[in-house]
C-alpha atoms as a PDB file:
ATOM      1  CA  UNK A   1    -181.121  56.679 -49.905  1.00  0.00           C
ATOM      2  CA  UNK A   2    -181.424  55.233 -46.198  1.00  0.00           C
ATOM      3  CA  UNK A   3    -183.311  57.086 -44.153  1.00  0.00           C
ATOM      4  CA  UNK A   4    -182.363  58.003 -40.535  1.00  0.00           C
ATOM      5  CA  UNK A   5    -185.312  55.649 -39.920  1.00  0.00           C
ATOM      6  CA  UNK A   6    -183.444  52.797 -41.445  1.00  0.00           C
ATOM      7  CA  UNK A   7    -179.920  53.658 -39.725  1.00  0.00           C
ATOM      8  CA  UNK A   8    -181.438  53.546 -36.501  1.00  0.00           C
ATOM      9  CA  UNK A   9    -183.526  50.143 -36.524  1.00  0.00           C
ATOM     10  CA  UNK A  10    -180.393  48.755 -37.705  1.00  0.00           C
ATOM     11  CA  UNK A  11    -177.664  50.554 -35.369  1.00  0.00           C
ATOM     12  CA  UNK A  12    -180.221  48.728 -32.967  1.00  0.00           C
ATOM     13  CA  UNK A  13    -179.210  45.443 -34.792  1.00  0.00           C
ATOM     14  CA  UNK A  14    -176.069  46.000 -34.855  1.00  0.00           C
ATOM     15  CA  UNK A  15    -175.643  46.504 -31.211  1.00  0.00           C
ATOM     16  CA  UNK A  16    -177.558  43.281 -30.011  1.00  0.00           C
ATOM     17  CA  UNK A  17    -176.255  40.964 -31.926  1.00  0.00           C
ATOM     18  CA  UNK A  18    -173.148  41.998 -31.304  1.00  0.00           C
ATOM     19  CA  UNK A  19    -173.919  42.421 -27.051  1.00  0.00           C
ATOM     20  CA  UNK A  20    -175.141  39.181 -27.489  1.00  0.00           C
ATOM     21  CA  UNK A  21    -171.396  37.430 -28.560  1.00  0.00           C
ATOM     22  CA  UNK A  22    -169.312  39.371 -25.964  1.00  0.00           C
ATOM     23  CA  UNK A  23    -168.503  36.807 -23.576  1.00  0.00           C
ATOM     24  CA  UNK A  24    -169.726  39.744 -20.929  1.00  0.00           C
ATOM     25  CA  UNK A  25    -172.365  40.743 -21.478  1.00  0.00           C
ATOM     26  CA  UNK A  26    -173.347  36.587 -21.798  1.00  0.00           C
ATOM     27  CA  UNK A  27    -171.538  36.344 -18.218  1.00  0.00           C
ATOM     28  CA  UNK A  28    -173.756  39.043 -17.187  1.00  0.00           C
ATOM     29  CA  UNK A  29    -177.011  38.201 -17.520  1.00  0.00           C
ATOM     30  CA  UNK A  30    -176.227  34.402 -16.983  1.00  0.00           C
ATOM     31  CA  UNK A  31    -176.270  35.535 -13.412  1.00  0.00           C
ATOM     32  CA  UNK A  32    -179.066  36.580 -11.467  1.00  0.00           C
ATOM     33  CA  UNK A  33    -178.570  40.071 -10.011  1.00  0.00           C
ATOM     34  CA  UNK A  34    -179.038  40.827  -5.990  1.00  0.00           C
ATOM     35  CA  UNK A  35    -181.078  44.647  -5.989  1.00  0.00           C
ATOM     36  CA  UNK A  36    -180.159  46.094  -3.270  1.00  0.00           C
ATOM     37  CA  UNK A  37    -176.084  45.898  -4.399  1.00  0.00           C
ATOM     38  CA  UNK A  38    -176.783  46.309  -7.363  1.00  0.00           C
ATOM     39  CA  UNK A  39    -178.291  50.333  -5.551  1.00  0.00           C
ATOM     40  CA  UNK A  40    -174.812  50.451  -3.594  1.00  0.00           C
ATOM     41  CA  UNK A  41    -173.540  50.053  -7.139  1.00  0.00           C
ATOM     42  CA  UNK A  42    -175.567  53.156  -8.696  1.00  0.00           C
ATOM     43  CA  UNK A  43    -175.678  55.826  -5.567  1.00  0.00           C
ATOM     44  CA  UNK A  44    -171.472  54.839  -5.890  1.00  0.00           C
ATOM     45  CA  UNK A  45    -171.061  54.918  -9.799  1.00  0.00           C
ATOM     46  CA  UNK A  46    -173.458  56.520 -11.614  1.00  0.00           C
ATOM     47  CA  UNK A  47    -176.016  58.467  -9.565  1.00  0.00           C
ATOM     48  CA  UNK A  48    -173.059  61.472  -9.216  1.00  0.00           C
ATOM     49  CA  UNK A  49    -175.277  62.226 -12.796  1.00  0.00           C
ATOM     50  CA  UNK A  50    -177.536  60.248 -13.663  1.00  0.00           C
ATOM     51  CA  UNK A  51    -179.714  61.191 -10.321  1.00  0.00           C
ATOM     52  CA  UNK A  52    -180.058  59.103  -7.050  1.00  0.00           C
ATOM     53  CA  UNK A  53    -183.139  58.007  -8.534  1.00  0.00           C
ATOM     54  CA  UNK A  54    -182.389  58.226 -12.390  1.00  0.00           C
ATOM     55  CA  UNK A  55    -184.418  61.428 -13.038  1.00  0.00           C
ATOM     56  CA  UNK A  56    -181.640  62.017 -15.362  1.00  0.00           C
ATOM     57  CA  UNK A  57    -179.364  65.151 -13.858  1.00  0.00           C
ATOM     58  CA  UNK A  58    -175.618  65.425 -16.901  1.00  0.00           C
ATOM     59  CA  UNK A  59    -176.356  61.821 -18.225  1.00  0.00           C
ATOM     60  CA  UNK A  60    -179.818  61.124 -18.785  1.00  0.00           C
ATOM     61  CA  UNK A  61    -182.763  59.887 -16.895  1.00  0.00           C
ATOM     62  CA  UNK A  62    -182.541  55.953 -16.266  1.00  0.00           C
ATOM     63  CA  UNK A  63    -186.017  56.048 -15.167  1.00  0.00           C
ATOM     64  CA  UNK A  64    -187.649  52.699 -17.370  1.00  0.00           C
ATOM     65  CA  UNK A  65    -184.719  52.618 -19.590  1.00  0.00           C
ATOM     66  CA  UNK A  66    -185.464  48.472 -19.189  1.00  0.00           C
ATOM     67  CA  UNK A  67    -188.265  49.129 -20.423  1.00  0.00           C
ATOM     68  CA  UNK A  68    -187.333  51.236 -23.424  1.00  0.00           C
ATOM     69  CA  UNK A  69    -184.021  48.484 -24.182  1.00  0.00           C
ATOM     70  CA  UNK A  70    -183.409  45.219 -23.574  1.00  0.00           C
ATOM     71  CA  UNK A  71    -180.630  43.762 -21.253  1.00  0.00           C
ATOM     72  CA  UNK A  72    -177.573  42.956 -23.755  1.00  0.00           C
ATOM     73  CA  UNK A  73    -178.316  46.371 -25.018  1.00  0.00           C
ATOM     74  CA  UNK A  74    -177.750  47.756 -21.644  1.00  0.00           C
ATOM     75  CA  UNK A  75    -175.258  46.505 -20.703  1.00  0.00           C
ATOM     76  CA  UNK A  76    -173.215  47.370 -23.724  1.00  0.00           C
ATOM     77  CA  UNK A  77    -174.620  51.025 -23.496  1.00  0.00           C
ATOM     78  CA  UNK A  78    -172.531  50.713 -19.328  1.00  0.00           C
ATOM     79  CA  UNK A  79    -169.678  48.976 -20.315  1.00  0.00           C
ATOM     80  CA  UNK A  80    -168.969  50.693 -23.741  1.00  0.00           C
ATOM     81  CA  UNK A  81    -168.251  54.671 -23.455  1.00  0.00           C
ATOM     82  CA  UNK A  82    -169.686  55.262 -27.237  1.00  0.00           C
ATOM     83  CA  UNK A  83    -171.755  57.689 -25.520  1.00  0.00           C
ATOM     84  CA  UNK A  84    -169.840  60.348 -24.233  1.00  0.00           C
ATOM     85  CA  UNK A  85    -169.776  62.067 -21.082  1.00  0.00           C
ATOM     86  CA  UNK A  86    -170.467  58.957 -19.698  1.00  0.00           C
ATOM     87  CA  UNK A  87    -166.805  56.939 -19.117  1.00  0.00           C
ATOM     88  CA  UNK A  88    -166.629  52.730 -20.441  1.00  0.00           C
ATOM     89  CA  UNK A  89    -167.539  51.134 -17.122  1.00  0.00           C
ATOM     90  CA  UNK A  90    -166.647  47.833 -16.787  1.00  0.00           C
ATOM     91  CA  UNK A  91    -167.255  45.849 -13.371  1.00  0.00           C
ATOM     92  CA  UNK A  92    -166.753  42.619 -12.339  1.00  0.00           C
ATOM     93  CA  UNK A  93    -170.360  39.880 -13.928  1.00  0.00           C
ATOM     94  CA  UNK A  94    -171.536  39.508 -10.877  1.00  0.00           C
ATOM     95  CA  UNK A  95    -171.949  43.076 -10.132  1.00  0.00           C
ATOM     96  CA  UNK A  96    -173.648  44.432 -13.450  1.00  0.00           C
ATOM     97  CA  UNK A  97    -175.796  41.329 -12.302  1.00  0.00           C
ATOM     98  CA  UNK A  98    -175.726  43.154  -9.578  1.00  0.00           C
ATOM     99  CA  UNK A  99    -176.657  46.427 -11.372  1.00  0.00           C
ATOM    100  CA  UNK A 100    -179.143  46.263 -14.499  1.00  0.00           C
ATOM    101  CA  UNK A 101    -181.591  44.321 -11.299  1.00  0.00           C
ATOM    102  CA  UNK A 102    -181.278  47.719  -9.875  1.00  0.00           C
ATOM    103  CA  UNK A 103    -182.269  49.222 -13.166  1.00  0.00           C
ATOM    104  CA  UNK A 104    -185.202  47.049 -13.736  1.00  0.00           C
ATOM    105  CA  UNK A 105    -186.561  48.950 -10.570  1.00  0.00           C
ATOM    106  CA  UNK A 106    -186.342  51.983 -11.813  1.00  0.00           C
ATOM    107  CA  UNK A 107    -189.686  51.824 -14.153  1.00  0.00           C
END
């Protein structure tokens, strides 16, 4: 019988592997993000659920999220819609790079 910890490790490795193959994720990660624009995107699209400072409201807190998840996994999480009630959210790769740069400041 597979333990829950083993299943979690396998799931993370699978998501990370598939995320690194995704052309959108790859394009987003190759760009330099602008923190200011990422902050604007966050306030418009994310703060309603995650809080203005990423402290969490309806959605989980995002403070320190970039220390917990690798960038390909973060982008996959944002665009996939796999964790309801969060919808899938795919923006231009440069805007995703900006949002990711902002998320790195929430530690």
